[in-house]
Protein backbone atom coordinates (compact mmCIF):
# COMPACT_ATOMS: atom_id res chain seq x y z
CA MET A 1 52.41 11.81 30.83
CA THR A 2 50.15 8.92 31.75
CA ARG A 3 49.15 6.17 29.33
CA THR A 4 45.56 7.54 29.05
CA LYS A 5 46.75 11.02 28.09
CA ARG A 6 48.97 9.56 25.31
CA ILE A 7 46.16 7.42 23.84
CA VAL A 8 43.56 10.19 23.61
CA PRO A 9 45.61 12.43 21.24
CA ARG A 10 46.48 9.42 19.04
CA VAL A 11 42.80 8.47 18.76
CA ALA A 12 41.88 12.07 17.89
CA ILE A 13 44.58 12.21 15.20
CA ALA A 14 43.44 8.87 13.72
CA ALA A 15 39.79 9.98 13.69
CA GLY A 16 40.72 13.28 12.02
CA ALA A 17 42.73 11.47 9.35
CA ALA A 18 39.84 9.11 8.67
CA LEU A 19 37.44 12.04 8.23
CA ALA A 20 39.87 13.83 5.92
CA LEU A 21 40.15 10.75 3.71
CA ALA A 22 36.37 10.29 3.62
CA ALA A 23 35.60 13.95 2.86
CA PRO A 24 36.38 13.90 -0.89
CA SER A 25 34.06 10.95 -1.40
CA ALA A 26 31.22 12.62 0.44
CA ALA A 27 31.74 15.84 -1.54
CA GLY A 28 31.64 13.90 -4.80
CA ILE A 29 28.32 12.29 -3.89
CA ALA A 30 26.81 15.61 -2.80
CA GLY A 31 27.54 17.09 -6.25
CA MET A 32 25.69 14.31 -8.09
CA HIS A 33 22.31 14.96 -9.70
CA PRO A 34 20.16 11.81 -10.12
CA LYS A 35 17.28 13.82 -11.67
CA LEU A 36 18.09 15.56 -14.95
CA ALA A 37 16.03 17.23 -17.64
CA SER A 38 16.21 19.03 -20.96
CA ARG A 39 13.93 21.42 -22.80
CA LEU A 40 14.03 20.31 -26.41
CA ALA A 41 13.58 22.61 -29.40
CA GLY A 42 14.09 22.49 -33.14
CA MET A 43 12.21 22.13 -36.40
CA GLY A 44 9.65 24.59 -35.01
CA GLU A 45 8.69 22.16 -32.22
CA HIS A 46 9.24 21.98 -28.46
CA GLY A 47 9.20 19.31 -25.79
CA VAL A 48 10.91 18.06 -22.66
CA VAL A 49 12.63 14.96 -21.40
CA ASN A 50 13.15 14.02 -17.76
CA LEU A 51 15.88 11.54 -16.85
CA GLN A 52 16.45 9.72 -13.61
CA VAL A 53 19.59 7.75 -12.75
CA LYS A 54 18.19 4.79 -10.83
CA THR A 55 21.37 2.81 -10.10
CA LYS A 56 25.05 3.10 -10.95
CA THR A 57 24.34 1.69 -14.42
CA LYS A 58 20.61 2.34 -15.08
CA VAL A 59 19.00 5.51 -16.41
CA CYS A 60 15.28 5.98 -17.14
CA TRP A 61 13.53 8.66 -19.19
CA THR A 62 10.15 10.18 -19.94
CA PHE A 63 9.66 12.32 -23.05
CA ASP A 64 6.82 14.80 -23.49
CA LEU A 65 6.94 15.56 -27.22
CA PRO A 66 4.14 16.41 -29.66
CA THR A 67 6.49 15.48 -32.52
CA THR A 68 5.60 12.52 -34.75
CA GLY A 69 7.93 10.28 -36.72
CA ILE A 70 10.59 10.02 -34.01
CA THR A 71 13.11 7.28 -34.75
CA GLY A 72 15.54 7.55 -31.82
CA ALA A 73 16.99 9.56 -28.96
CA SER A 74 20.40 9.77 -27.34
CA ILE A 75 22.56 11.77 -24.95
CA HIS A 76 25.54 13.44 -26.62
CA VAL A 77 28.76 15.00 -25.39
CA GLY A 78 28.01 18.66 -26.07
CA GLN A 79 26.50 19.36 -29.48
CA LYS A 80 28.93 16.98 -31.14
CA PRO A 81 27.98 13.69 -32.80
CA VAL A 82 29.62 11.75 -29.93
CA VAL A 83 26.93 9.57 -28.29
CA LEU A 84 27.30 8.98 -24.55
CA VAL A 85 24.09 6.96 -24.01
CA ARG A 86 21.44 5.72 -26.46
CA LEU A 87 17.96 5.98 -24.98
CA GLY A 88 16.70 2.64 -26.28
CA LYS A 89 17.28 0.80 -29.56
CA THR A 90 14.25 2.56 -31.04
CA TYR A 91 12.31 5.54 -29.73
CA SER A 92 9.95 5.08 -26.82
CA ALA A 93 8.37 7.92 -24.82
CA LYS A 94 9.23 6.07 -21.58
CA GLY A 95 11.87 3.53 -20.82
CA CYS A 96 15.12 2.57 -19.15
CA THR A 97 18.51 1.45 -20.36
CA THR A 98 21.87 0.48 -18.94
CA ALA A 99 25.01 2.50 -19.46
CA PRO A 100 28.59 2.35 -18.22
CA GLU A 101 28.89 3.50 -14.62
CA MET A 102 31.51 6.11 -15.52
CA ALA A 103 29.25 7.62 -18.21
CA LEU A 104 26.41 8.07 -15.73
CA GLU A 105 28.78 9.53 -13.12
CA HIS A 106 29.95 12.17 -15.61
CA LEU A 107 26.36 12.87 -16.64
CA GLN A 108 25.28 13.45 -13.03
CA ALA A 109 28.34 15.49 -12.09
CA LYS A 110 28.21 17.94 -15.04
CA PRO A 111 24.81 17.69 -16.74
CA GLY A 112 25.28 21.00 -18.60
CA SER A 113 28.06 19.40 -20.66
CA TYR A 114 25.58 17.01 -22.31
CA TRP A 115 22.71 17.37 -24.78
CA VAL A 116 19.73 15.16 -25.63
CA PHE A 117 19.23 14.67 -29.38
CA VAL A 118 15.95 13.40 -30.80
CA ASP A 119 16.05 11.95 -34.31
CA THR A 120 13.12 12.11 -36.71
CA LYS A 121 12.75 10.85 -40.25
CA GLY A 122 14.74 13.23 -42.40
CA HIS A 123 15.98 15.36 -39.44
CA PRO A 124 18.37 13.38 -37.22
CA GLY A 125 19.26 15.33 -34.09
CA ASP A 126 17.48 18.55 -35.13
CA LEU A 127 15.31 18.46 -32.00
CA ARG A 128 17.71 18.89 -29.07
CA GLY A 129 18.40 20.52 -25.72
CA ARG A 130 21.07 20.90 -23.04
CA LEU A 131 20.67 18.84 -19.85
CA PHE A 132 20.33 20.48 -16.45
CA ALA A 133 19.85 19.24 -12.89
CA GLY A 134 16.21 18.98 -11.87
CA MET A 135 12.95 18.29 -13.64
CA ALA A 136 11.25 20.03 -16.59
CA HIS A 137 7.57 20.54 -17.36
CA MET A 138 5.78 21.42 -20.60
């Protein structure tokens, strides 16, 4: 076997190994959802929130709610009182906040595991909805 014939298979094996190592990373990125939304309901009211993960640690939101007296909003792990991300120190219909990179990765990978809770005076978290990939409209 000549030197050229021995090098070509080695290069092909090395290239294949590099692709195999890179494949899980590419698959993980493909499954991420930077645009998320939730249809909110409770207390006889309805609304939506659209979220967008801007960077590894920044998430922005836009609420469309007719509700008055809102005091805060947050993203929870399921319907439990465990807060993953607070959407601002006080309620704002639009805004951005920073969050741990790992929290936003989980949020994008499995949005259906998380809920948005909206707190109002006297009814904390009674207006809520499950997140999904995509955008919502009123």
